[in-house]
PDB file of N, CA and C in Angstrom:
ATOM      1  N   MET A   1      -3.307  -5.578  -1.491  1.00  0.00           N
ATOM      2  CA  MET A   1      -3.255  -4.359  -0.775  1.00  0.00           C
ATOM      3  C   MET A   1      -4.230  -3.378  -1.305  1.00  0.00           C
ATOM      4  N   GLN A   2      -4.835  -2.610  -0.711  1.00  0.00           N
ATOM      5  CA  GLN A   2      -5.761  -1.260  -1.410  1.00  0.00           C
ATOM      6  C   GLN A   2      -5.141   0.004  -0.863  1.00  0.00           C
ATOM      7  N   GLN A   3      -4.787   1.023  -2.231  1.00  0.00           N
ATOM      8  CA  GLN A   3      -4.266   1.888  -2.299  1.00  0.00           C
ATOM      9  C   GLN A   3      -5.189   2.785  -3.204  1.00  0.00           C
ATOM     10  N   VAL A   4      -4.994   4.337  -2.881  1.00  0.00           N
ATOM     11  CA  VAL A   4      -5.590   5.382  -3.457  1.00  0.00           C
ATOM     12  C   VAL A   4      -4.610   6.448  -4.246  1.00  0.00           C
ATOM     13  N   LYS A   5      -5.379   6.368  -5.420  1.00  0.00           N
ATOM     14  CA  LYS A   5      -4.529   7.608  -6.400  1.00  0.00           C
ATOM     15  C   LYS A   5      -5.474   8.467  -6.383  1.00  0.00           C
ATOM     16  N   ILE A   6      -4.768   9.695  -6.385  1.00  0.00           N
ATOM     17  CA  ILE A   6      -5.697  11.331  -6.315  1.00  0.00           C
ATOM     18  C   ILE A   6      -5.247  11.942  -7.670  1.00  0.00           C
ATOM     19  N   PHE A   7      -6.150  12.463  -8.631  1.00  0.00           N
ATOM     20  CA  PHE A   7      -5.637  13.370  -9.475  1.00  0.00           C
ATOM     21  C   PHE A   7      -6.662  14.770  -9.303  1.00  0.00           C
ATOM     22  N   LYS A   8      -5.921  15.500  -9.766  1.00  0.00           N
ATOM     23  CA  LYS A   8      -6.680  17.022  -9.840  1.00  0.00           C
ATOM     24  C   LYS A   8      -6.325  18.031 -11.068  1.00  0.00           C
ATOM     25  N   SER A   9      -7.380  18.227 -11.454  1.00  0.00           N
ATOM     26  CA  SER A   9      -7.271  19.222 -12.514  1.00  0.00           C
ATOM     27  C   SER A   9      -8.426  20.259 -12.678  1.00  0.00           C
ATOM     28  N   VAL A  10      -8.613  20.829 -13.843  1.00  0.00           N
ATOM     29  CA  VAL A  10      -9.772  21.899 -13.941  1.00  0.00           C
ATOM     30  C   VAL A  10     -10.625  21.216 -15.361  1.00  0.00           C
ATOM     31  N   ASP A  11     -11.865  21.618 -15.269  1.00  0.00           N
ATOM     32  CA  ASP A  11     -12.916  20.941 -15.980  1.00  0.00           C
ATOM     33  C   ASP A  11     -12.305  21.578 -17.497  1.00  0.00           C
ATOM     34  N   ASN A  12     -11.799  22.753 -17.695  1.00  0.00           N
ATOM     35  CA  ASN A  12     -11.341  22.655 -19.362  1.00  0.00           C
ATOM     36  C   ASN A  12     -10.246  21.865 -19.902  1.00  0.00           C
ATOM     37  N   GLU A  13      -9.835  21.101 -18.882  1.00  0.00           N
ATOM     38  CA  GLU A  13      -8.665  20.276 -19.101  1.00  0.00           C
ATOM     39  C   GLU A  13      -8.722  18.646 -18.825  1.00  0.00           C
ATOM     40  N   LEU A  14     -10.126  18.398 -19.124  1.00  0.00           N
ATOM     41  CA  LEU A  14     -10.528  17.132 -18.828  1.00  0.00           C
ATOM     42  C   LEU A  14     -10.173  15.808 -20.026  1.00  0.00           C
ATOM     43  N   GLU A  15      -9.732  16.259 -20.964  1.00  0.00           N
ATOM     44  CA  GLU A  15      -9.298  15.345 -22.116  1.00  0.00           C
ATOM     45  C   GLU A  15      -8.093  15.046 -21.719  1.00  0.00           C
ATOM     46  N   GLU A  16      -6.821  15.830 -21.193  1.00  0.00           N
ATOM     47  CA  GLU A  16      -5.560  15.580 -20.574  1.00  0.00           C
ATOM     48  C   GLU A  16      -5.502  14.717 -19.475  1.00  0.00           C
ATOM     49  N   MET A  17      -6.529  15.124 -18.572  1.00  0.00           N
ATOM     50  CA  MET A  17      -6.715  14.135 -17.359  1.00  0.00           C
ATOM     51  C   MET A  17      -6.986  13.254 -17.552  1.00  0.00           C
ATOM     52  N   GLU A  18      -7.655  12.781 -18.557  1.00  0.00           N
ATOM     53  CA  GLU A  18      -8.204  11.450 -18.802  1.00  0.00           C
ATOM     54  C   GLU A  18      -7.170  10.571 -19.568  1.00  0.00           C
ATOM     55  N   LYS A  19      -6.565  11.213 -20.242  1.00  0.00           N
ATOM     56  CA  LYS A  19      -5.262  10.710 -20.957  1.00  0.00           C
ATOM     57  C   LYS A  19      -4.256  10.600 -19.719  1.00  0.00           C
ATOM     58  N   GLN A  20      -4.231  10.836 -18.850  1.00  0.00           N
ATOM     59  CA  GLN A  20      -3.067  11.050 -17.827  1.00  0.00           C
ATOM     60  C   GLN A  20      -3.312   9.927 -16.893  1.00  0.00           C
ATOM     61  N   ILE A  21      -4.575   9.608 -16.575  1.00  0.00           N
ATOM     62  CA  ILE A  21      -5.401   8.565 -15.740  1.00  0.00           C
ATOM     63  C   ILE A  21      -5.049   7.228 -16.473  1.00  0.00           C
ATOM     64  N   ASN A  22      -5.621   7.199 -17.833  1.00  0.00           N
ATOM     65  CA  ASN A  22      -5.635   5.779 -18.632  1.00  0.00           C
ATOM     66  C   ASN A  22      -4.010   5.668 -18.679  1.00  0.00           C
ATOM     67  N   ARG A  23      -3.219   6.705 -18.773  1.00  0.00           N
ATOM     68  CA  ARG A  23      -1.746   6.097 -18.718  1.00  0.00           C
ATOM     69  C   ARG A  23      -1.130   5.488 -17.649  1.00  0.00           C
ATOM     70  N   TRP A  24      -1.628   5.948 -16.623  1.00  0.00           N
ATOM     71  CA  TRP A  24      -1.304   5.725 -15.267  1.00  0.00           C
ATOM     72  C   TRP A  24      -2.147   4.141 -15.071  1.00  0.00           C
ATOM     73  N   MET A  25      -3.098   3.947 -15.367  1.00  0.00           N
ATOM     74  CA  MET A  25      -3.595   2.635 -15.224  1.00  0.00           C
ATOM     75  C   MET A  25      -2.515   1.667 -15.812  1.00  0.00           C
ATOM     76  N   ARG A  26      -2.616   2.101 -17.240  1.00  0.00           N
ATOM     77  CA  ARG A  26      -1.755   0.846 -17.879  1.00  0.00           C
ATOM     78  C   ARG A  26      -0.307   0.919 -17.539  1.00  0.00           C
ATOM     79  N   LYS A  27       0.259   1.812 -17.039  1.00  0.00           N
ATOM     80  CA  LYS A  27       1.774   1.509 -16.775  1.00  0.00           C
ATOM     81  C   LYS A  27       1.776   0.803 -15.187  1.00  0.00           C
ATOM     82  N   SER A  28       0.928   1.291 -14.429  1.00  0.00           N
ATOM     83  CA  SER A  28       0.656   0.761 -12.768  1.00  0.00           C
ATOM     84  C   SER A  28       0.618  -0.578 -12.821  1.00  0.00           C
ATOM     85  N   GLY A  29      -0.457  -1.159 -13.863  1.00  0.00           N
ATOM     86  CA  GLY A  29      -1.041  -2.415 -13.823  1.00  0.00           C
ATOM     87  C   GLY A  29      -1.703  -2.862 -12.938  1.00  0.00           C
ATOM     88  N   ALA A  30      -2.407  -1.780 -12.029  1.00  0.00           N
ATOM     89  CA  ALA A  30      -3.202  -1.697 -10.910  1.00  0.00           C
ATOM     90  C   ALA A  30      -4.569  -2.471 -11.498  1.00  0.00           C
ATOM     91  N   ARG A  31      -5.136  -3.218 -10.312  1.00  0.00           N
ATOM     92  CA  ARG A  31      -6.424  -3.499 -10.541  1.00  0.00           C
ATOM     93  C   ARG A  31      -7.191  -2.684 -10.053  1.00  0.00           C
ATOM     94  N   VAL A  32      -8.294  -1.665 -10.648  1.00  0.00           N
ATOM     95  CA  VAL A  32      -8.947  -0.591 -10.507  1.00  0.00           C
ATOM     96  C   VAL A  32     -10.360  -1.174  -9.974  1.00  0.00           C
ATOM     97  N   LEU A  33     -10.476  -0.754  -8.592  1.00  0.00           N
ATOM     98  CA  LEU A  33     -11.872  -1.089  -7.631  1.00  0.00           C
ATOM     99  C   LEU A  33     -12.793  -0.239  -7.908  1.00  0.00           C
ATOM    100  N   SER A  34     -12.581   1.479  -8.043  1.00  0.00           N
ATOM    101  CA  SER A  34     -13.788   2.083  -8.106  1.00  0.00           C
ATOM    102  C   SER A  34     -12.799   3.275  -8.436  1.00  0.00           C
ATOM    103  N   ILE A  35     -13.550   4.261  -9.282  1.00  0.00           N
ATOM    104  CA  ILE A  35     -13.144   5.760  -9.564  1.00  0.00           C
ATOM    105  C   ILE A  35     -14.326   6.401  -9.509  1.00  0.00           C
ATOM    106  N   ASN A  36     -14.123   7.501  -8.649  1.00  0.00           N
ATOM    107  CA  ASN A  36     -15.008   8.466  -8.142  1.00  0.00           C
ATOM    108  C   ASN A  36     -14.749   9.995  -8.368  1.00  0.00           C
ATOM    109  N   GLY A  37     -15.671  10.930  -8.613  1.00  0.00           N
ATOM    110  CA  GLY A  37     -15.191  12.344  -8.651  1.00  0.00           C
ATOM    111  C   GLY A  37     -15.827  13.386  -8.528  1.00  0.00           C
ATOM    112  N   ASN A  38     -15.145  14.308  -8.335  1.00  0.00           N
ATOM    113  CA  ASN A  38     -16.141  15.733  -8.108  1.00  0.00           C
ATOM    114  C   ASN A  38     -15.748  16.842  -8.743  1.00  0.00           C
ATOM    115  N   LEU A  39     -16.441  17.659  -8.989  1.00  0.00           N
ATOM    116  CA  LEU A  39     -16.608  18.927  -9.824  1.00  0.00           C
ATOM    117  C   LEU A  39     -16.938  20.019  -8.832  1.00  0.00           C
ATOM    118  N   THR A  40     -16.083  21.151  -8.843  1.00  0.00           N
ATOM    119  CA  THR A  40     -16.267  22.257  -7.878  1.00  0.00           C
ATOM    120  C   THR A  40     -16.192  23.398  -8.821  1.00  0.00           C
ATOM    121  N   SER A  41     -17.454  24.014  -8.928  1.00  0.00           N
ATOM    122  CA  SER A  41     -17.579  25.467 -10.082  1.00  0.00           C
ATOM    123  C   SER A  41     -16.773  26.434  -9.064  1.00  0.00           C
ATOM    124  N   GLN A  42     -16.357  27.272  -9.915  1.00  0.00           N
ATOM    125  CA  GLN A  42     -15.755  28.627  -9.534  1.00  0.00           C
ATOM    126  C   GLN A  42     -16.338  29.724  -9.405  1.00  0.00           C
ATOM    127  N   ASN A  43     -17.587  30.239  -8.708  1.00  0.00           N
ATOM    128  CA  ASN A  43     -17.973  31.107  -9.079  1.00  0.00           C
ATOM    129  C   ASN A  43     -17.981  32.550  -8.075  1.00  0.00           C
ATOM    130  N   GLY A  44     -16.585  32.497  -7.689  1.00  0.00           N
ATOM    131  CA  GLY A  44     -16.056  33.450  -6.826  1.00  0.00           C
ATOM    132  C   GLY A  44     -16.104  35.144  -7.477  1.00  0.00           C
ATOM    133  N   ASN A  45     -16.112  35.032  -8.563  1.00  0.00           N
ATOM    134  CA  ASN A  45     -16.125  36.547  -9.470  1.00  0.00           C
ATOM    135  C   ASN A  45     -17.480  37.080  -9.411  1.00  0.00           C
ATOM    136  N   SER A  46     -17.687  38.227  -9.970  1.00  0.00           N
ATOM    137  CA  SER A  46     -18.935  39.229 -10.039  1.00  0.00           C
ATOM    138  C   SER A  46     -19.732  38.622 -11.061  1.00  0.00           C
ATOM    139  N   ASP A  47     -19.208  38.205 -11.927  1.00  0.00           N
ATOM    140  CA  ASP A  47     -19.772  37.538 -13.037  1.00  0.00           C
ATOM    141  C   ASP A  47     -21.093  36.728 -12.952  1.00  0.00           C
ATOM    142  N   GLY A  48     -21.087  36.098 -11.656  1.00  0.00           N
ATOM    143  CA  GLY A  48     -21.983  35.112 -11.225  1.00  0.00           C
ATOM    144  C   GLY A  48     -22.139  33.450 -12.016  1.00  0.00           C
ATOM    145  N   PRO A  49     -23.024  32.941 -11.814  1.00  0.00           N
ATOM    146  CA  PRO A  49     -22.993  31.563 -11.966  1.00  0.00           C
ATOM    147  C   PRO A  49     -23.114  31.061 -13.401  1.00  0.00           C
ATOM    148  N   LEU A  50     -23.915  32.339 -14.274  1.00  0.00           N
ATOM    149  CA  LEU A  50     -23.708  31.805 -15.849  1.00  0.00           C
ATOM    150  C   LEU A  50     -22.474  32.336 -16.635  1.00  0.00           C
ATOM    151  N   ASN A  51     -21.472  32.645 -15.895  1.00  0.00           N
ATOM    152  CA  ASN A  51     -19.958  32.793 -16.619  1.00  0.00           C
ATOM    153  C   ASN A  51     -19.447  31.492 -17.010  1.00  0.00           C
ATOM    154  N   SER A  52     -19.320  30.871 -18.106  1.00  0.00           N
ATOM    155  CA  SER A  52     -19.057  29.655 -18.922  1.00  0.00           C
ATOM    156  C   SER A  52     -17.502  29.444 -18.941  1.00  0.00           C
ATOM    157  N   PHE A  53     -16.625  30.922 -18.448  1.00  0.00           N
ATOM    158  CA  PHE A  53     -15.542  30.668 -18.831  1.00  0.00           C
ATOM    159  C   PHE A  53     -14.648  30.342 -17.650  1.00  0.00           C
ATOM    160  N   ALA A  54     -15.381  30.704 -16.384  1.00  0.00           N
ATOM    161  CA  ALA A  54     -14.494  30.270 -14.974  1.00  0.00           C
ATOM    162  C   ALA A  54     -14.550  28.418 -15.360  1.00  0.00           C
ATOM    163  N   ALA A  55     -13.019  28.308 -14.853  1.00  0.00           N
ATOM    164  CA  ALA A  55     -12.852  26.670 -14.500  1.00  0.00           C
ATOM    165  C   ALA A  55     -12.985  26.361 -13.179  1.00  0.00           C
ATOM    166  N   GLY A  56     -13.624  25.041 -13.194  1.00  0.00           N
ATOM    167  CA  GLY A  56     -13.772  24.565 -11.966  1.00  0.00           C
ATOM    168  C   GLY A  56     -12.928  23.482 -11.587  1.00  0.00           C
ATOM    169  N   ASP A  57     -12.866  23.052 -10.409  1.00  0.00           N
ATOM    170  CA  ASP A  57     -11.525  22.039  -9.697  1.00  0.00           C
ATOM    171  C   ASP A  57     -12.440  20.838 -10.126  1.00  0.00           C
ATOM    172  N   VAL A  58     -11.416  19.983 -10.604  1.00  0.00           N
ATOM    173  CA  VAL A  58     -11.857  18.359 -10.884  1.00  0.00           C
ATOM    174  C   VAL A  58     -11.293  17.440  -9.996  1.00  0.00           C
ATOM    175  N   LEU A  59     -11.535  16.628  -9.397  1.00  0.00           N
ATOM    176  CA  LEU A  59     -10.878  15.850  -8.352  1.00  0.00           C
ATOM    177  C   LEU A  59     -11.311  13.951  -8.559  1.00  0.00           C
ATOM    178  N   ILE A  60     -10.266  13.450  -8.898  1.00  0.00           N
ATOM    179  CA  ILE A  60     -10.585  11.951  -9.323  1.00  0.00           C
ATOM    180  C   ILE A  60     -10.041  11.331  -8.479  1.00  0.00           C
ATOM    181  N   ILE A  61     -10.695  10.183  -7.797  1.00  0.00           N
ATOM    182  CA  ILE A  61     -10.082   9.301  -6.559  1.00  0.00           C
ATOM    183  C   ILE A  61     -10.234   7.736  -7.192  1.00  0.00           C
ATOM    184  N   VAL A  62      -8.948   7.398  -7.656  1.00  0.00           N
ATOM    185  CA  VAL A  62      -8.971   6.007  -7.891  1.00  0.00           C
ATOM    186  C   VAL A  62      -8.842   4.994  -6.837  1.00  0.00           C
ATOM    187  N   LEU A  63      -9.491   4.110  -6.331  1.00  0.00           N
ATOM    188  CA  LEU A  63      -9.466   2.831  -5.543  1.00  0.00           C
ATOM    189  C   LEU A  63      -8.704   2.167  -6.281  1.00  0.00           C
ATOM    190  N   TYR A  64      -7.804   1.295  -5.810  1.00  0.00           N
ATOM    191  CA  TYR A  64      -7.312   0.139  -6.848  1.00  0.00           C
ATOM    192  C   TYR A  64      -6.652  -0.775  -5.621  1.00  0.00           C
ATOM    193  N   GLU A  65      -6.190  -1.935  -6.337  1.00  0.00           N
ATOM    194  CA  GLU A  65      -5.512  -3.027  -5.757  1.00  0.00           C
ATOM    195  C   GLU A  65      -4.372  -3.518  -6.224  1.00  0.00           C
ATOM    196  N   ILE A  66      -3.176  -3.690  -5.288  1.00  0.00           N
ATOM    197  CA  ILE A  66      -1.941  -4.268  -5.815  1.00  0.00           C
ATOM    198  C   ILE A  66      -1.674  -5.164  -4.803  1.00  0.00           C
ATOM    199  N   ASP A  67      -0.665  -6.143  -5.617  1.00  0.00           N
ATOM    200  CA  ASP A  67       0.012  -7.462  -4.446  1.00  0.00           C
ATOM    201  C   ASP A  67       0.498  -6.736  -3.384  1.00  0.00           C
ATOM    202  N   LYS A  68       0.894  -7.267  -2.334  1.00  0.00           N
ATOM    203  CA  LYS A  68       1.621  -7.066  -1.433  1.00  0.00           C
ATOM    204  C   LYS A  68       2.996  -7.267  -1.468  1.00  0.00           C
ATOM    205  N   PRO A  69       3.783  -6.063  -1.024  1.00  0.00           N
ATOM    206  CA  PRO A  69       5.218  -6.335  -1.436  1.00  0.00           C
ATOM    207  C   PRO A  69       5.683  -7.667  -0.429  1.00  0.00           C
ATOM    208  N   GLY A  70       6.541  -8.803  -1.605  1.00  0.00           N
ATOM    209  CA  GLY A  70       6.819  -9.911  -0.720  1.00  0.00           C
ATOM    210  C   GLY A  70       5.873 -11.069  -1.076  1.00  0.00           C
ATOM    211  N   SER A  71       4.811 -10.985  -1.581  1.00  0.00           N
ATOM    212  CA  SER A  71       3.831 -12.007  -1.851  1.00  0.00           C
ATOM    213  C   SER A  71       4.078 -12.555  -3.236  1.00  0.00           C
TER     214      SER A  71
END
């Protein structure tokens, strides 16, 4: 049975997000089929796109497979 797991963070916390995802994969025993991600910049302030201090949102979607209950 295929399932989806979504992780959300900000780009200046990528190392912690990576640890969280790896911990989840080890503990769940899931068979990961694909991992996709998206980074959204946060340019809503007046400093413009060159402001390197504005964190962007990071979304990671993991498609995985588990055995059907009762199998």
